[in-house]
Amino acid sequence: MGRTGVGCGAHDSSANVCCGCARGPLARFLRIAIPATAAESPTYLYANRSTGWGFSNTSLTSPGPNLEVEVGEHVTLNLTSLDGRNHNWFIDYNGNSVVDANESYSDSGTFRGNLQYSFTVGNQTGTFVYRSRFNGDGNLWGNITVRPAGFLGGLLGNPLLLAGIVAVIVAIVAVAIWARRRPRQPEEPPAE
């Protein structure tokens, strides 16, 4: 999972780095997003109806932590209910607080204790809300950003942007070559 603030679940917030999960202060300052693979450990999310979602049982907030993923990415969540109540996790693409047919692939199903849940991110990009659908779970929500697949969130996958970047680089190189090759006139001696 490409992440901003998503981590290993066992992070020391005072450290600049931990296990490479991009949660330390230096990583947050640099806004590092580390792409994960299916082989990496899952992202841990803890839920409590009254306090929200968190990366640990002591970091619960509402809204919960921001998540960042890419289209087509395989995501594994380790979901834990801390209050003994039923919860679930899903991406609410249309903001109606209901798991609709086009959102069902991101629905974890019900969990009361601990559930490890995996899904593949769909191809709708933007920032959406993730939440639990049960009555009384109003504090259980957070934002998830789904970026286009590819390097730098697909920015370099855009042919017009890529062509523009290449054109600027070529222009800079051409000006540098021209400036270096132009004949230089010797300076005139100062008038006496």
Protein backbone atom coordinates (compact mmCIF):
# COMPACT_ATOMS: atom_id res chain seq x y z
CA MET A 1 0.00 0.00 0.00
CA GLY A 2 1.48 3.34 -0.92
CA ARG A 3 1.12 5.14 2.32
CA THR A 4 1.22 8.40 4.12
CA GLY A 5 1.08 7.55 7.76
CA VAL A 6 0.20 3.90 7.28
CA GLY A 7 2.56 1.67 9.16
CA CYS A 8 3.61 -1.52 10.74
CA GLY A 9 1.41 -1.25 13.80
CA ALA A 10 4.42 -1.38 16.13
CA HIS A 11 5.94 2.05 15.48
CA ASP A 12 7.72 4.32 17.94
CA SER A 13 6.45 7.81 17.07
CA SER A 14 9.62 9.46 18.41
CA ALA A 15 11.87 7.70 15.88
CA ASN A 16 12.67 9.05 12.44
CA VAL A 17 12.45 5.59 10.94
CA CYS A 18 11.22 2.26 12.16
CA CYS A 19 10.68 -0.72 9.95
CA GLY A 20 10.35 1.36 6.77
CA CYS A 21 6.64 2.06 7.12
CA ALA A 22 6.95 5.84 6.48
CA ARG A 23 5.51 6.90 9.83
CA GLY A 24 8.47 8.66 11.46
CA PRO A 25 8.65 12.49 11.69
CA LEU A 26 11.30 12.71 8.97
CA ALA A 27 9.25 10.55 6.61
CA ARG A 28 6.11 12.62 7.31
CA PHE A 29 8.07 15.87 6.71
CA LEU A 30 9.34 14.56 3.38
CA ARG A 31 5.87 13.14 2.57
CA ILE A 32 7.37 9.80 1.66
CA ALA A 33 4.94 7.26 0.27
CA ILE A 34 6.40 3.78 0.14
CA PRO A 35 4.74 1.37 -2.27
CA ALA A 36 4.02 -1.96 -0.65
CA THR A 37 3.83 -5.36 -2.18
CA ALA A 38 1.50 -8.21 -1.38
CA ALA A 39 4.41 -9.86 0.45
CA GLU A 40 4.64 -7.00 2.97
CA SER A 41 2.96 -7.14 6.33
CA PRO A 42 -0.63 -5.89 6.50
CA THR A 43 -1.70 -2.42 7.53
CA TYR A 44 -3.09 -2.55 11.06
CA LEU A 45 -6.28 -0.60 11.79
CA TYR A 46 -7.92 -0.60 15.20
CA ALA A 47 -11.58 0.38 15.66
CA ASN A 48 -13.58 1.75 18.57
CA ARG A 49 -17.09 3.09 18.08
CA SER A 50 -16.58 6.06 20.39
CA THR A 51 -13.04 7.12 19.40
CA GLY A 52 -12.57 6.08 15.75
CA TRP A 53 -9.84 4.30 13.75
CA GLY A 54 -6.11 4.21 14.47
CA PHE A 55 -2.84 2.48 13.55
CA SER A 56 -2.53 1.31 17.15
CA ASN A 57 -4.88 0.83 20.08
CA THR A 58 -3.63 4.13 21.54
CA SER A 59 -3.82 6.32 18.41
CA LEU A 60 -7.56 6.24 17.69
CA THR A 61 -9.01 9.38 16.08
CA SER A 62 -12.05 10.43 14.14
CA PRO A 63 -11.47 10.91 11.30
CA GLY A 64 -9.09 7.99 11.22
CA PRO A 65 -5.64 8.04 9.62
CA ASN A 66 -5.30 8.98 5.95
CA LEU A 67 -4.60 6.06 3.63
CA GLU A 68 -3.11 6.18 0.12
CA VAL A 69 -3.34 3.37 -2.42
CA GLU A 70 -2.96 2.92 -6.16
CA VAL A 71 -5.44 1.49 -8.65
CA GLY A 72 -4.97 -2.28 -8.93
CA GLU A 73 -2.93 -2.52 -5.74
CA HIS A 74 -3.40 -5.57 -3.54
CA VAL A 75 -4.15 -4.31 -0.01
CA THR A 76 -4.15 -6.35 3.19
CA LEU A 77 -5.74 -4.88 6.31
CA ASN A 78 -5.51 -6.36 9.78
CA LEU A 79 -8.71 -5.03 11.40
CA THR A 80 -9.26 -5.18 15.16
CA SER A 81 -12.38 -4.19 17.12
CA LEU A 82 -11.33 -2.83 20.52
CA ASP A 83 -14.83 -2.33 21.90
CA GLY A 84 -16.23 -5.84 21.38
CA ARG A 85 -18.84 -4.59 18.89
CA ASN A 86 -19.44 -5.60 15.29
CA HIS A 87 -17.74 -3.39 12.69
CA ASN A 88 -16.71 -3.59 9.06
CA TRP A 89 -14.44 -1.61 6.71
CA PHE A 90 -15.29 -0.41 3.20
CA ILE A 91 -14.55 2.41 0.77
CA ASP A 92 -17.65 4.58 0.38
CA TYR A 93 -17.13 5.85 -3.18
CA ASN A 94 -20.40 7.81 -3.39
CA GLY A 95 -20.57 9.03 0.23
CA ASN A 96 -23.96 7.53 1.10
CA SER A 97 -22.71 5.44 4.09
CA VAL A 98 -23.99 2.21 2.51
CA VAL A 99 -22.07 -0.63 0.85
CA ASP A 100 -23.38 -0.39 -2.72
CA ALA A 101 -22.86 -2.97 -5.48
CA ASN A 102 -19.84 -1.12 -6.93
CA GLU A 103 -18.28 -0.88 -3.44
CA SER A 104 -18.76 -4.49 -2.36
CA TYR A 105 -15.26 -5.60 -3.42
CA SER A 106 -13.85 -3.32 -0.71
CA ASP A 107 -16.22 -4.57 2.03
CA SER A 108 -14.40 -6.54 4.72
CA GLY A 109 -17.51 -8.19 6.06
CA THR A 110 -18.31 -8.10 9.77
CA PHE A 111 -15.61 -8.43 12.42
CA ARG A 112 -15.92 -8.32 16.19
CA GLY A 113 -12.42 -9.32 17.21
CA ASN A 114 -9.65 -9.48 14.63
CA LEU A 115 -9.89 -9.99 10.87
CA GLN A 116 -7.20 -10.03 8.21
CA TYR A 117 -8.83 -8.81 5.02
CA SER A 118 -7.36 -8.48 1.51
CA PHE A 119 -8.76 -6.83 -1.61
CA THR A 120 -7.61 -5.31 -4.88
CA VAL A 121 -8.20 -1.56 -5.29
CA GLY A 122 -10.71 -0.68 -8.02
CA ASN A 123 -10.04 1.79 -10.82
CA GLN A 124 -11.97 4.81 -9.53
CA THR A 125 -9.46 7.51 -8.53
CA GLY A 126 -9.84 10.37 -6.06
CA THR A 127 -10.22 10.85 -2.31
CA PHE A 128 -13.03 8.90 -0.70
CA VAL A 129 -14.22 7.98 2.78
CA TYR A 130 -13.58 4.60 4.37
CA ARG A 131 -15.98 3.69 7.13
CA SER A 132 -17.87 1.06 9.09
CA ARG A 133 -21.52 0.62 8.08
CA PHE A 134 -23.07 -0.31 11.43
CA ASN A 135 -25.48 2.01 13.28
CA GLY A 136 -23.62 3.89 15.97
CA ASP A 137 -20.30 3.72 14.07
CA GLY A 138 -20.44 7.39 13.05
CA ASN A 139 -16.93 8.04 14.42
CA LEU A 140 -15.47 5.17 12.37
CA TRP A 141 -14.44 6.94 9.18
CA GLY A 142 -11.33 8.33 7.52
CA ASN A 143 -10.05 9.37 4.09
CA ILE A 144 -8.48 7.12 1.51
CA THR A 145 -6.86 8.48 -1.64
CA VAL A 146 -6.85 6.22 -4.69
CA ARG A 147 -4.17 7.33 -7.17
CA PRO A 148 -3.70 6.16 -10.74
CA ALA A 149 -1.33 3.21 -11.00
CA GLY A 150 2.27 3.84 -11.91
CA PHE A 151 5.27 5.92 -10.98
CA LEU A 152 4.40 9.08 -9.03
CA GLY A 153 0.74 8.18 -8.90
CA GLY A 154 0.46 8.01 -12.68
CA LEU A 155 1.65 11.58 -13.28
CA LEU A 156 4.35 10.38 -15.62
CA GLY A 157 1.85 7.99 -17.21
CA ASN A 158 0.01 11.00 -18.64
CA PRO A 159 1.30 11.37 -22.24
CA LEU A 160 0.69 15.14 -22.41
CA LEU A 161 2.49 15.79 -19.14
CA LEU A 162 5.36 13.53 -20.17
CA ALA A 163 5.66 15.31 -23.56
CA GLY A 164 5.69 18.69 -21.79
CA ILE A 165 8.44 17.58 -19.40
CA VAL A 166 10.54 16.27 -22.31
CA ALA A 167 10.01 19.53 -24.26
CA VAL A 168 11.16 21.65 -21.30
CA ILE A 169 14.27 19.50 -20.79
CA VAL A 170 15.15 19.67 -24.50
CA ALA A 171 14.71 23.47 -24.47
CA ILE A 172 16.97 23.87 -21.44
CA VAL A 173 19.66 21.66 -22.99
CA ALA A 174 19.43 23.56 -26.32
CA VAL A 175 19.84 26.95 -24.61
CA ALA A 176 22.81 25.64 -22.61
CA ILE A 177 24.51 24.31 -25.76
CA TRP A 178 23.83 27.56 -27.66
CA ALA A 179 25.24 29.66 -24.81
CA ARG A 180 28.37 27.54 -24.62
CA ARG A 181 29.04 27.50 -28.37
CA ARG A 182 28.40 31.13 -29.25
CA PRO A 183 31.54 33.03 -30.19
CA ARG A 184 32.91 35.08 -27.37
CA GLN A 185 34.14 38.60 -28.04
CA PRO A 186 37.22 39.68 -26.14
CA GLU A 187 36.58 42.46 -23.71
CA GLU A 188 37.68 45.88 -24.85
CA PRO A 189 40.43 47.43 -22.76
CA PRO A 190 39.33 50.29 -20.54
CA ALA A 191 39.66 53.76 -22.06
CA GLU A 192 42.69 55.75 -20.92
